[in-house]
Amino acid sequence: MDDAPRIGDLEVDGDALTGDGATLSELADELACGVDETTTAEAPSDGWRVLRRLESGAVYLGSPVDADHRTWRVAQVHPGEQPPVVRVHPDTLVVRPSRAERRQGLVLRWPPFVEEQHDPSELAIDIVNAGTTRWTPENEGFRAVGALTAPGGTEFSFGWVSSAADRAVPLDPGEYARVPVQLQLLSEPTSLQPGHYDLHVVVVELGLRLAEPLRVELTAELVARQVAKQNRHRADPASERRAFDRQIEAEQLRVGARRSWPEIAEVVGSAVSDDEALERIAAVLGTTTEHAASVYDASLRAMVMADADRRDEQLQELIRQRDTLG
């Protein structure tokens, strides 16, 4: 949905932004869901429609709160709950341009010294404002991810975790930001073979891609170095599986905590120490203080509706990687 408009960070069906919609209860009945009435106090009673359906089964609903349909209230149906329940997000969100619109004027360019860099895991790339006006970030990051394919190949996938260090910066015409390329290697290091590859680069939050891939050569020495690097930190399968289980459990807890954010905020706000806050969060979620720490350390971004998508995707990817261990 690269060309789709967004409400907050959520890419939505553009056609869904027009029309009259229905009442929230009518739409919930169509979706065979209940409604969490504690979240609807100041929400519109009508104008609701489906904004997007995800492959995970999650459904996003929305209703405009102004005449020109620029500001919206959003709700989400979580398929993992039985029965499914619609919960309305407490804040209003504005319609934002698509990623395709946001990256207009920006291009990727290799620095002059790239030909001297023989190891693709040590490359950097320039994000250049080739337009005629200043480009100003809107909560985007400049994380550049590189993926290898066979020469001529175009299909690849990758995962990433954004951080404050990836924060984008304003760029006047002609200015550029030089950022490292985070190379994504094959999940099984021993399957990496010497030879020629195409290196594709994507600035993930903007969907900005390198126009043509860079042809790179992985020598036997480079392959051995990468395999050694990954194996050095590679645990035995049983230990890896236990580590994945711990990550999955923590991620499931963070996903589930979204339903309890108001109560968590209330109990944390009156706590006088970190230990007391952890104990109170643990009581709310019915877990241990150790597990509660993963929720306590979460940023405010975890409350954004679109972050639920990223959480679901990360959770499914963790489960997939664990299951490949056998």
C-alpha atoms as a PDB file:
ATOM      1  CA  MET A   1       0.000   0.000   0.000  1.00  0.00           C
ATOM      2  CA  ASP A   2       2.891   2.290  -0.882  1.00  0.00           C
ATOM      3  CA  ASP A   3       0.596   4.816  -2.584  1.00  0.00           C
ATOM      4  CA  ALA A   4      -2.106   4.674   0.074  1.00  0.00           C
ATOM      5  CA  PRO A   5      -2.884   7.616   2.361  1.00  0.00           C
ATOM      6  CA  ARG A   6      -2.221   7.119   6.047  1.00  0.00           C
ATOM      7  CA  ILE A   7      -4.122   7.890   9.215  1.00  0.00           C
ATOM      8  CA  GLY A   8      -1.355   8.334  11.731  1.00  0.00           C
ATOM      9  CA  ASP A   9       1.106   5.623  10.612  1.00  0.00           C
ATOM     10  CA  LEU A  10      -1.604   3.287   9.320  1.00  0.00           C
ATOM     11  CA  GLU A  11      -1.845   2.874   5.553  1.00  0.00           C
ATOM     12  CA  VAL A  12      -5.526   2.788   4.613  1.00  0.00           C
ATOM     13  CA  ASP A  13      -7.779   2.235   1.626  1.00  0.00           C
ATOM     14  CA  GLY A  14      -8.246   5.672   0.063  1.00  0.00           C
ATOM     15  CA  ASP A  15     -11.812   4.862  -1.022  1.00  0.00           C
ATOM     16  CA  ALA A  16     -12.712   4.167   2.604  1.00  0.00           C
ATOM     17  CA  LEU A  17     -12.081   7.817   3.494  1.00  0.00           C
ATOM     18  CA  THR A  18     -15.195   8.907   1.618  1.00  0.00           C
ATOM     19  CA  GLY A  19     -18.856   8.068   2.189  1.00  0.00           C
ATOM     20  CA  ASP A  20     -21.137   8.138   5.198  1.00  0.00           C
ATOM     21  CA  GLY A  21     -20.236   4.950   7.068  1.00  0.00           C
ATOM     22  CA  ALA A  22     -22.358   3.262   9.725  1.00  0.00           C
ATOM     23  CA  THR A  23     -22.780   3.280  13.484  1.00  0.00           C
ATOM     24  CA  LEU A  24     -20.062   1.532  15.445  1.00  0.00           C
ATOM     25  CA  SER A  25     -22.510  -1.047  16.778  1.00  0.00           C
ATOM     26  CA  GLU A  26     -23.787  -1.848  13.263  1.00  0.00           C
ATOM     27  CA  LEU A  27     -20.269  -2.286  11.946  1.00  0.00           C
ATOM     28  CA  ALA A  28     -19.301  -4.414  14.940  1.00  0.00           C
ATOM     29  CA  ASP A  29     -22.315  -6.659  14.283  1.00  0.00           C
ATOM     30  CA  GLU A  30     -21.203  -7.080  10.646  1.00  0.00           C
ATOM     31  CA  LEU A  31     -17.765  -8.134  11.882  1.00  0.00           C
ATOM     32  CA  ALA A  32     -19.250 -10.422  14.555  1.00  0.00           C
ATOM     33  CA  CYS A  33     -17.531  -8.429  17.298  1.00  0.00           C
ATOM     34  CA  GLY A  34     -18.438  -6.856  20.576  1.00  0.00           C
ATOM     35  CA  VAL A  35     -17.621  -3.266  21.540  1.00  0.00           C
ATOM     36  CA  ASP A  36     -15.604  -2.208  24.559  1.00  0.00           C
ATOM     37  CA  GLU A  37     -17.918   0.568  25.732  1.00  0.00           C
ATOM     38  CA  THR A  38     -15.286   1.925  28.137  1.00  0.00           C
ATOM     39  CA  THR A  39     -13.322   3.174  25.103  1.00  0.00           C
ATOM     40  CA  THR A  40     -16.205   4.896  23.267  1.00  0.00           C
ATOM     41  CA  ALA A  41     -17.053   7.753  25.664  1.00  0.00           C
ATOM     42  CA  GLU A  42     -16.100  10.588  23.282  1.00  0.00           C
ATOM     43  CA  ALA A  43     -16.054   8.605  20.042  1.00  0.00           C
ATOM     44  CA  PRO A  44     -18.411   9.398  17.141  1.00  0.00           C
ATOM     45  CA  SER A  45     -21.578   7.311  17.194  1.00  0.00           C
ATOM     46  CA  ASP A  46     -21.712   6.937  13.404  1.00  0.00           C
ATOM     47  CA  GLY A  47     -19.539   7.375  10.309  1.00  0.00           C
ATOM     48  CA  TRP A  48     -17.593   4.182  11.016  1.00  0.00           C
ATOM     49  CA  ARG A  49     -16.128   2.070   8.207  1.00  0.00           C
ATOM     50  CA  VAL A  50     -13.349  -0.493   7.657  1.00  0.00           C
ATOM     51  CA  LEU A  51     -10.071   1.278   6.916  1.00  0.00           C
ATOM     52  CA  ARG A  52      -7.864  -1.764   6.475  1.00  0.00           C
ATOM     53  CA  ARG A  53      -7.747  -5.512   6.966  1.00  0.00           C
ATOM     54  CA  LEU A  54      -4.402  -7.140   7.725  1.00  0.00           C
ATOM     55  CA  GLU A  55      -3.259 -10.632   6.824  1.00  0.00           C
ATOM     56  CA  SER A  56      -2.915 -11.304  10.557  1.00  0.00           C
ATOM     57  CA  GLY A  57      -6.701 -10.914  10.826  1.00  0.00           C
ATOM     58  CA  ALA A  58      -6.572  -7.541  12.592  1.00  0.00           C
ATOM     59  CA  VAL A  59      -9.116  -5.019  11.311  1.00  0.00           C
ATOM     60  CA  TYR A  60      -8.874  -1.234  11.626  1.00  0.00           C
ATOM     61  CA  LEU A  61     -12.005   0.909  11.711  1.00  0.00           C
ATOM     62  CA  GLY A  62     -12.331   4.671  11.530  1.00  0.00           C
ATOM     63  CA  SER A  63     -14.777   7.561  11.700  1.00  0.00           C
ATOM     64  CA  PRO A  64     -14.136  11.210  10.702  1.00  0.00           C
ATOM     65  CA  VAL A  65     -14.610  13.861  13.362  1.00  0.00           C
ATOM     66  CA  ASP A  66     -14.619  16.866  11.035  1.00  0.00           C
ATOM     67  CA  ALA A  67     -16.544  17.835   7.912  1.00  0.00           C
ATOM     68  CA  ASP A  68     -13.616  17.523   5.491  1.00  0.00           C
ATOM     69  CA  HIS A  69     -12.609  14.054   6.744  1.00  0.00           C
ATOM     70  CA  ARG A  70      -9.092  15.138   7.717  1.00  0.00           C
ATOM     71  CA  THR A  71      -9.220  14.119  11.381  1.00  0.00           C
ATOM     72  CA  TRP A  72     -10.305  10.661  12.523  1.00  0.00           C
ATOM     73  CA  ARG A  73     -10.953   8.402  15.474  1.00  0.00           C
ATOM     74  CA  VAL A  74      -9.627   4.892  14.913  1.00  0.00           C
ATOM     75  CA  ALA A  75     -10.599   1.549  16.426  1.00  0.00           C
ATOM     76  CA  GLN A  76      -9.102  -1.902  16.140  1.00  0.00           C
ATOM     77  CA  VAL A  77     -10.410  -5.449  16.222  1.00  0.00           C
ATOM     78  CA  HIS A  78      -7.889  -7.904  17.673  1.00  0.00           C
ATOM     79  CA  PRO A  79      -8.547 -11.368  16.186  1.00  0.00           C
ATOM     80  CA  GLY A  80      -6.698 -13.144  19.005  1.00  0.00           C
ATOM     81  CA  GLU A  81      -9.415 -12.279  21.520  1.00  0.00           C
ATOM     82  CA  GLN A  82     -12.404 -14.542  21.937  1.00  0.00           C
ATOM     83  CA  PRO A  83     -14.868 -13.173  21.279  1.00  0.00           C
ATOM     84  CA  PRO A  84     -13.243 -10.367  19.250  1.00  0.00           C
ATOM     85  CA  VAL A  85     -13.808  -6.889  20.672  1.00  0.00           C
ATOM     86  CA  VAL A  86     -13.636  -3.436  19.079  1.00  0.00           C
ATOM     87  CA  ARG A  87     -11.614  -0.912  21.077  1.00  0.00           C
ATOM     88  CA  VAL A  88     -11.474   2.763  20.145  1.00  0.00           C
ATOM     89  CA  HIS A  89      -8.142   4.580  20.349  1.00  0.00           C
ATOM     90  CA  PRO A  90      -8.410   7.563  22.723  1.00  0.00           C
ATOM     91  CA  ASP A  91      -6.747  10.148  20.448  1.00  0.00           C
ATOM     92  CA  THR A  92      -7.677  11.720  17.142  1.00  0.00           C
ATOM     93  CA  LEU A  93      -5.360  11.132  14.172  1.00  0.00           C
ATOM     94  CA  VAL A  94      -4.927  13.148  10.994  1.00  0.00           C
ATOM     95  CA  VAL A  95      -4.785  11.943   7.407  1.00  0.00           C
ATOM     96  CA  ARG A  96      -1.184  11.971   6.165  1.00  0.00           C
ATOM     97  CA  PRO A  97       0.365  11.627   2.691  1.00  0.00           C
ATOM     98  CA  SER A  98       1.376   8.214   1.382  1.00  0.00           C
ATOM     99  CA  ARG A  99       4.947   6.996   1.640  1.00  0.00           C
ATOM    100  CA  ALA A 100       5.301   7.523  -2.100  1.00  0.00           C
ATOM    101  CA  GLU A 101       4.386  11.190  -1.646  1.00  0.00           C
ATOM    102  CA  ARG A 102       6.621  11.615   1.396  1.00  0.00           C
ATOM    103  CA  ARG A 103       9.753  10.408  -0.396  1.00  0.00           C
ATOM    104  CA  GLN A 104       9.281  12.638  -3.441  1.00  0.00           C
ATOM    105  CA  GLY A 105      12.502  14.498  -4.173  1.00  0.00           C
ATOM    106  CA  LEU A 106      14.677  12.029  -2.234  1.00  0.00           C
ATOM    107  CA  VAL A 107      17.075   9.663  -3.991  1.00  0.00           C
ATOM    108  CA  LEU A 108      19.733   7.202  -2.852  1.00  0.00           C
ATOM    109  CA  ARG A 109      23.329   7.675  -4.003  1.00  0.00           C
ATOM    110  CA  TRP A 110      26.471   5.714  -3.289  1.00  0.00           C
ATOM    111  CA  PRO A 111      29.319   7.773  -1.794  1.00  0.00           C
ATOM    112  CA  PRO A 112      32.410   8.212  -4.010  1.00  0.00           C
ATOM    113  CA  PHE A 113      34.470   5.799  -1.909  1.00  0.00           C
ATOM    114  CA  VAL A 114      32.074   2.872  -2.352  1.00  0.00           C
ATOM    115  CA  GLU A 115      34.274   1.272  -5.005  1.00  0.00           C
ATOM    116  CA  GLU A 116      37.048   1.030  -2.420  1.00  0.00           C
ATOM    117  CA  GLN A 117      34.812  -0.860   0.024  1.00  0.00           C
ATOM    118  CA  HIS A 118      34.990  -4.548  -0.754  1.00  0.00           C
ATOM    119  CA  ASP A 119      32.937  -5.737   2.211  1.00  0.00           C
ATOM    120  CA  PRO A 120      29.186  -5.034   1.666  1.00  0.00           C
ATOM    121  CA  SER A 121      28.602  -5.207   5.423  1.00  0.00           C
ATOM    122  CA  GLU A 122      30.632  -1.995   5.836  1.00  0.00           C
ATOM    123  CA  LEU A 123      28.868   0.189   3.252  1.00  0.00           C
ATOM    124  CA  ALA A 124      27.101   3.529   3.735  1.00  0.00           C
ATOM    125  CA  ILE A 125      24.726   5.328   1.406  1.00  0.00           C
ATOM    126  CA  ASP A 126      23.664   8.952   0.889  1.00  0.00           C
ATOM    127  CA  ILE A 127      20.026  10.035   1.122  1.00  0.00           C
ATOM    128  CA  VAL A 128      19.964  13.079  -1.148  1.00  0.00           C
ATOM    129  CA  ASN A 129      17.343  15.806  -1.522  1.00  0.00           C
ATOM    130  CA  ALA A 130      17.277  16.101  -5.306  1.00  0.00           C
ATOM    131  CA  GLY A 131      14.124  18.233  -5.201  1.00  0.00           C
ATOM    132  CA  THR A 132      13.641  22.004  -5.193  1.00  0.00           C
ATOM    133  CA  THR A 133      12.193  22.455  -1.701  1.00  0.00           C
ATOM    134  CA  ARG A 134      13.248  21.517   1.821  1.00  0.00           C
ATOM    135  CA  TRP A 135      12.347  18.005   2.898  1.00  0.00           C
ATOM    136  CA  THR A 136      11.210  17.867   6.527  1.00  0.00           C
ATOM    137  CA  PRO A 137      10.701  14.574   8.398  1.00  0.00           C
ATOM    138  CA  GLU A 138       7.332  13.647   9.845  1.00  0.00           C
ATOM    139  CA  ASN A 139       8.248  11.025  12.442  1.00  0.00           C
ATOM    140  CA  GLU A 140      10.263   9.050   9.859  1.00  0.00           C
ATOM    141  CA  GLY A 141      13.629   7.386  10.302  1.00  0.00           C
ATOM    142  CA  PHE A 142      16.617   7.013   7.994  1.00  0.00           C
ATOM    143  CA  ARG A 143      17.364   3.295   8.519  1.00  0.00           C
ATOM    144  CA  ALA A 144      18.833   1.813   5.332  1.00  0.00           C
ATOM    145  CA  VAL A 145      18.634  -1.964   4.985  1.00  0.00           C
ATOM    146  CA  GLY A 146      20.588  -3.951   2.408  1.00  0.00           C
ATOM    147  CA  ALA A 147      19.569  -7.348   1.028  1.00  0.00           C
ATOM    148  CA  LEU A 148      21.492  -9.704  -1.249  1.00  0.00           C
ATOM    149  CA  THR A 149      19.970 -11.550  -4.202  1.00  0.00           C
ATOM    150  CA  ALA A 150      21.378 -13.600  -7.036  1.00  0.00           C
ATOM    151  CA  PRO A 151      22.338 -11.370 -10.004  1.00  0.00           C
ATOM    152  CA  GLY A 152      19.161 -10.134 -11.652  1.00  0.00           C
ATOM    153  CA  GLY A 153      16.998 -11.212  -8.710  1.00  0.00           C
ATOM    154  CA  THR A 154      14.412  -8.779  -7.352  1.00  0.00           C
ATOM    155  CA  GLU A 155      12.661 -10.752  -4.609  1.00  0.00           C
ATOM    156  CA  PHE A 156      13.958 -10.315  -1.069  1.00  0.00           C
ATOM    157  CA  SER A 157      12.693  -9.820   2.461  1.00  0.00           C
ATOM    158  CA  PHE A 158      14.147  -8.345   5.606  1.00  0.00           C
ATOM    159  CA  GLY A 159      13.368  -7.445   9.184  1.00  0.00           C
ATOM    160  CA  TRP A 160      14.403  -4.437  11.201  1.00  0.00           C
ATOM    161  CA  VAL A 161      13.920  -2.679  14.512  1.00  0.00           C
ATOM    162  CA  SER A 162      13.876   1.116  14.443  1.00  0.00           C
ATOM    163  CA  SER A 163      15.649   3.192  17.070  1.00  0.00           C
ATOM    164  CA  ALA A 164      16.164   6.808  18.043  1.00  0.00           C
ATOM    165  CA  ALA A 165      19.548   6.692  16.294  1.00  0.00           C
ATOM    166  CA  ASP A 166      17.733   6.319  12.943  1.00  0.00           C
ATOM    167  CA  ARG A 167      15.900   9.637  13.282  1.00  0.00           C
ATOM    168  CA  ALA A 168      15.600  11.492   9.961  1.00  0.00           C
ATOM    169  CA  VAL A 169      16.801  15.094   9.590  1.00  0.00           C
ATOM    170  CA  PRO A 170      15.606  18.023   7.427  1.00  0.00           C
ATOM    171  CA  LEU A 171      17.377  18.303   4.072  1.00  0.00           C
ATOM    172  CA  ASP A 172      17.556  21.425   1.924  1.00  0.00           C
ATOM    173  CA  PRO A 173      17.858  20.969  -1.877  1.00  0.00           C
ATOM    174  CA  GLY A 174      21.223  19.400  -2.653  1.00  0.00           C
ATOM    175  CA  GLU A 175      21.910  18.326   0.938  1.00  0.00           C
ATOM    176  CA  TYR A 176      22.323  14.694   1.941  1.00  0.00           C
ATOM    177  CA  ALA A 177      22.481  12.447   4.982  1.00  0.00           C
ATOM    178  CA  ARG A 178      25.038   9.611   4.965  1.00  0.00           C
ATOM    179  CA  VAL A 179      23.781   6.535   6.785  1.00  0.00           C
ATOM    180  CA  PRO A 180      25.166   3.002   7.234  1.00  0.00           C
ATOM    181  CA  VAL A 181      23.614   0.151   5.293  1.00  0.00           C
ATOM    182  CA  GLN A 182      22.469  -2.579   7.673  1.00  0.00           C
ATOM    183  CA  LEU A 183      23.163  -5.684   5.604  1.00  0.00           C
ATOM    184  CA  GLN A 184      20.677  -8.527   6.064  1.00  0.00           C
ATOM    185  CA  LEU A 185      22.454 -11.829   5.497  1.00  0.00           C
ATOM    186  CA  LEU A 186      20.853 -15.202   4.997  1.00  0.00           C
ATOM    187  CA  SER A 187      19.341 -16.668   8.164  1.00  0.00           C
ATOM    188  CA  GLU A 188      21.574 -19.740   7.838  1.00  0.00           C
ATOM    189  CA  PRO A 189      25.173 -18.489   7.510  1.00  0.00           C
ATOM    190  CA  THR A 190      26.528 -21.730   6.029  1.00  0.00           C
ATOM    191  CA  SER A 191      24.212 -21.304   3.001  1.00  0.00           C
ATOM    192  CA  LEU A 192      26.141 -18.181   1.965  1.00  0.00           C
ATOM    193  CA  GLN A 193      28.412 -19.027  -0.959  1.00  0.00           C
ATOM    194  CA  PRO A 194      31.233 -17.072  -2.647  1.00  0.00           C
ATOM    195  CA  GLY A 195      30.227 -15.367  -5.872  1.00  0.00           C
ATOM    196  CA  HIS A 196      28.532 -12.308  -7.335  1.00  0.00           C
ATOM    197  CA  TYR A 197      25.366 -10.869  -5.810  1.00  0.00           C
ATOM    198  CA  ASP A 198      23.095  -7.861  -6.303  1.00  0.00           C
ATOM    199  CA  LEU A 199      22.860  -5.622  -3.255  1.00  0.00           C
ATOM    200  CA  HIS A 200      19.475  -3.895  -2.927  1.00  0.00           C
ATOM    201  CA  VAL A 201      19.024  -1.011  -0.479  1.00  0.00           C
ATOM    202  CA  VAL A 202      15.764   0.272   1.040  1.00  0.00           C
ATOM    203  CA  VAL A 203      15.155   3.143   3.468  1.00  0.00           C
ATOM    204  CA  VAL A 204      12.411   1.207   5.148  1.00  0.00           C
ATOM    205  CA  GLU A 205      10.111   3.816   6.708  1.00  0.00           C
ATOM    206  CA  LEU A 206       9.907   5.816   3.466  1.00  0.00           C
ATOM    207  CA  GLY A 207       9.948   2.872   1.063  1.00  0.00           C
ATOM    208  CA  LEU A 208      12.843   4.633  -0.707  1.00  0.00           C
ATOM    209  CA  ARG A 209      14.787   2.182  -2.867  1.00  0.00           C
ATOM    210  CA  LEU A 210      18.084   2.232  -4.700  1.00  0.00           C
ATOM    211  CA  ALA A 211      17.280   2.677  -8.399  1.00  0.00           C
ATOM    212  CA  GLU A 212      19.717  -0.050  -9.501  1.00  0.00           C
ATOM    213  CA  PRO A 213      21.265  -2.716  -7.259  1.00  0.00           C
ATOM    214  CA  LEU A 214      24.996  -2.706  -6.661  1.00  0.00           C
ATOM    215  CA  ARG A 215      26.849  -5.731  -8.005  1.00  0.00           C
ATOM    216  CA  VAL A 216      29.118  -7.052  -5.258  1.00  0.00           C
ATOM    217  CA  GLU A 217      31.439 -10.006  -4.988  1.00  0.00           C
ATOM    218  CA  LEU A 218      31.633 -12.146  -1.898  1.00  0.00           C
ATOM    219  CA  THR A 219      35.006 -13.820  -1.779  1.00  0.00           C
ATOM    220  CA  ALA A 220      35.620 -17.018   0.127  1.00  0.00           C
ATOM    221  CA  GLU A 221      37.426 -14.917   2.743  1.00  0.00           C
ATOM    222  CA  LEU A 222      34.423 -12.580   3.203  1.00  0.00           C
ATOM    223  CA  VAL A 223      32.022 -15.524   3.434  1.00  0.00           C
ATOM    224  CA  ALA A 224      34.215 -17.229   6.025  1.00  0.00           C
ATOM    225  CA  ARG A 225      34.400 -13.992   8.007  1.00  0.00           C
ATOM    226  CA  GLN A 226      30.623 -13.591   8.023  1.00  0.00           C
ATOM    227  CA  VAL A 227      30.041 -17.217   8.963  1.00  0.00           C
ATOM    228  CA  ALA A 228      32.575 -16.947  11.778  1.00  0.00           C
ATOM    229  CA  LYS A 229      30.991 -13.697  12.979  1.00  0.00           C
ATOM    230  CA  GLN A 230      27.529 -15.260  13.171  1.00  0.00           C
ATOM    231  CA  ASN A 231      28.704 -18.573  14.595  1.00  0.00           C
ATOM    232  CA  ARG A 232      30.680 -16.779  17.293  1.00  0.00           C
ATOM    233  CA  HIS A 233      27.426 -15.577  18.796  1.00  0.00           C
ATOM    234  CA  ARG A 234      25.383 -18.608  17.845  1.00  0.00           C
ATOM    235  CA  ALA A 235      24.165 -20.793  20.697  1.00  0.00           C
ATOM    236  CA  ASP A 236      23.208 -24.454  20.444  1.00  0.00           C
ATOM    237  CA  PRO A 237      19.662 -25.084  19.065  1.00  0.00           C
ATOM    238  CA  ALA A 238      18.163 -25.832  22.493  1.00  0.00           C
ATOM    239  CA  SER A 239      19.556 -22.606  23.956  1.00  0.00           C
ATOM    240  CA  GLU A 240      18.420 -20.664  20.893  1.00  0.00           C
ATOM    241  CA  ARG A 241      14.919 -22.056  21.225  1.00  0.00           C
ATOM    242  CA  ARG A 242      14.766 -21.101  24.914  1.00  0.00           C
ATOM    243  CA  ALA A 243      15.952 -17.607  24.006  1.00  0.00           C
ATOM    244  CA  PHE A 244      13.232 -17.331  21.342  1.00  0.00           C
ATOM    245  CA  ASP A 245      10.643 -18.590  23.826  1.00  0.00           C
ATOM    246  CA  ARG A 246      11.643 -15.815  26.236  1.00  0.00           C
ATOM    247  CA  GLN A 247      11.449 -13.186  23.488  1.00  0.00           C
ATOM    248  CA  ILE A 248       8.067 -14.481  22.306  1.00  0.00           C
ATOM    249  CA  GLU A 249       6.685 -14.488  25.842  1.00  0.00           C
ATOM    250  CA  ALA A 250       7.865 -10.896  26.381  1.00  0.00           C
ATOM    251  CA  GLU A 251       6.459  -9.784  23.019  1.00  0.00           C
ATOM    252  CA  GLN A 252       3.109 -11.456  23.699  1.00  0.00           C
ATOM    253  CA  LEU A 253       2.993  -9.649  27.034  1.00  0.00           C
ATOM    254  CA  ARG A 254       3.667  -6.281  25.353  1.00  0.00           C
ATOM    255  CA  VAL A 255       1.003  -6.987  22.727  1.00  0.00           C
ATOM    256  CA  GLY A 256      -1.523  -7.929  25.407  1.00  0.00           C
ATOM    257  CA  ALA A 257      -0.609  -4.917  27.554  1.00  0.00           C
ATOM    258  CA  ARG A 258      -2.139  -2.592  24.947  1.00  0.00           C
ATOM    259  CA  ARG A 259      -5.583  -3.461  26.341  1.00  0.00           C
ATOM    260  CA  SER A 260      -4.502  -2.321  29.803  1.00  0.00           C
ATOM    261  CA  TRP A 261      -2.588   0.890  29.017  1.00  0.00           C
ATOM    262  CA  PRO A 262      -5.046   3.197  30.854  1.00  0.00           C
ATOM    263  CA  GLU A 263      -4.899   1.076  34.024  1.00  0.00           C
ATOM    264  CA  ILE A 264      -1.110   0.700  33.750  1.00  0.00           C
ATOM    265  CA  ALA A 265      -0.676   4.467  33.361  1.00  0.00           C
ATOM    266  CA  GLU A 266      -2.822   5.053  36.431  1.00  0.00           C
ATOM    267  CA  VAL A 267      -0.949   2.670  38.728  1.00  0.00           C
ATOM    268  CA  VAL A 268       2.486   3.751  37.481  1.00  0.00           C
ATOM    269  CA  GLY A 269       1.619   7.432  37.879  1.00  0.00           C
ATOM    270  CA  SER A 270       1.176   7.024  41.642  1.00  0.00           C
ATOM    271  CA  ALA A 271       4.167   4.716  42.199  1.00  0.00           C
ATOM    272  CA  VAL A 272       7.044   6.160  44.220  1.00  0.00           C
ATOM    273  CA  SER A 273       9.793   3.845  42.906  1.00  0.00           C
ATOM    274  CA  ASP A 274      10.677   1.589  39.981  1.00  0.00           C
ATOM    275  CA  ASP A 275      10.192  -1.493  42.129  1.00  0.00           C
ATOM    276  CA  GLU A 276       6.705  -0.389  43.170  1.00  0.00           C
ATOM    277  CA  ALA A 277       5.808   0.424  39.545  1.00  0.00           C
ATOM    278  CA  LEU A 278       6.926  -3.042  38.422  1.00  0.00           C
ATOM    279  CA  GLU A 279       4.924  -4.713  41.171  1.00  0.00           C
ATOM    280  CA  ARG A 280       1.804  -2.770  40.195  1.00  0.00           C
ATOM    281  CA  ILE A 281       2.198  -3.541  36.492  1.00  0.00           C
ATOM    282  CA  ALA A 282       2.701  -7.211  37.314  1.00  0.00           C
ATOM    283  CA  ALA A 283      -0.522  -7.183  39.340  1.00  0.00           C
ATOM    284  CA  VAL A 284      -2.469  -5.574  36.478  1.00  0.00           C
ATOM    285  CA  LEU A 285      -1.166  -8.067  33.911  1.00  0.00           C
ATOM    286  CA  GLY A 286      -1.083 -11.086  36.185  1.00  0.00           C
ATOM    287  CA  THR A 287       2.598 -11.753  35.559  1.00  0.00           C
ATOM    288  CA  THR A 288       5.969 -11.491  37.305  1.00  0.00           C
ATOM    289  CA  THR A 289       7.886  -8.278  37.934  1.00  0.00           C
ATOM    290  CA  GLU A 290      10.618  -9.592  35.628  1.00  0.00           C
ATOM    291  CA  HIS A 291       8.181  -9.859  32.748  1.00  0.00           C
ATOM    292  CA  ALA A 292       6.513  -6.572  33.703  1.00  0.00           C
ATOM    293  CA  ALA A 293       9.848  -4.836  33.085  1.00  0.00           C
ATOM    294  CA  SER A 294       9.435  -5.315  29.311  1.00  0.00           C
ATOM    295  CA  VAL A 295       6.219  -3.293  29.490  1.00  0.00           C
ATOM    296  CA  TYR A 296       7.616  -0.735  31.939  1.00  0.00           C
ATOM    297  CA  ASP A 297      10.569  -0.071  29.609  1.00  0.00           C
ATOM    298  CA  ALA A 298       8.375   0.330  26.497  1.00  0.00           C
ATOM    299  CA  SER A 299       8.266   3.774  24.865  1.00  0.00           C
ATOM    300  CA  LEU A 300       5.112   5.832  24.334  1.00  0.00           C
ATOM    301  CA  ARG A 301       5.275   4.700  20.718  1.00  0.00           C
ATOM    302  CA  ALA A 302       3.940   1.346  21.917  1.00  0.00           C
ATOM    303  CA  MET A 303       0.542   3.032  22.421  1.00  0.00           C
ATOM    304  CA  VAL A 304       0.271   4.136  18.768  1.00  0.00           C
ATOM    305  CA  MET A 305      -2.254   2.035  16.872  1.00  0.00           C
ATOM    306  CA  ALA A 306       0.108   1.317  13.970  1.00  0.00           C
ATOM    307  CA  ASP A 307       2.702  -0.020  16.407  1.00  0.00           C
ATOM    308  CA  ALA A 308       0.334  -2.928  17.012  1.00  0.00           C
ATOM    309  CA  ASP A 309       0.956  -3.971  13.393  1.00  0.00           C
ATOM    310  CA  ARG A 310       4.703  -3.885  13.906  1.00  0.00           C
ATOM    311  CA  ARG A 311       4.332  -5.826  17.149  1.00  0.00           C
ATOM    312  CA  ASP A 312       2.182  -8.480  15.460  1.00  0.00           C
ATOM    313  CA  GLU A 313       4.676  -8.798  12.588  1.00  0.00           C
ATOM    314  CA  GLN A 314       7.634  -9.030  14.963  1.00  0.00           C
ATOM    315  CA  LEU A 315       5.819 -11.648  17.045  1.00  0.00           C
ATOM    316  CA  GLN A 316       5.008 -13.773  13.992  1.00  0.00           C
ATOM    317  CA  GLU A 317       8.609 -13.486  12.768  1.00  0.00           C
ATOM    318  CA  LEU A 318       9.954 -14.587  16.157  1.00  0.00           C
ATOM    319  CA  ILE A 319       7.616 -17.575  16.145  1.00  0.00           C
ATOM    320  CA  ARG A 320       8.678 -18.461  12.586  1.00  0.00           C
ATOM    321  CA  GLN A 321      12.389 -18.291  13.484  1.00  0.00           C
ATOM    322  CA  ARG A 322      11.868 -20.391  16.607  1.00  0.00           C
ATOM    323  CA  ASP A 323       9.922 -23.026  14.706  1.00  0.00           C
ATOM    324  CA  THR A 324      12.690 -23.384  12.097  1.00  0.00           C
ATOM    325  CA  LEU A 325      14.944 -24.678  14.876  1.00  0.00           C
ATOM    326  CA  GLY A 326      12.835 -27.810  15.096  1.00  0.00           C
END
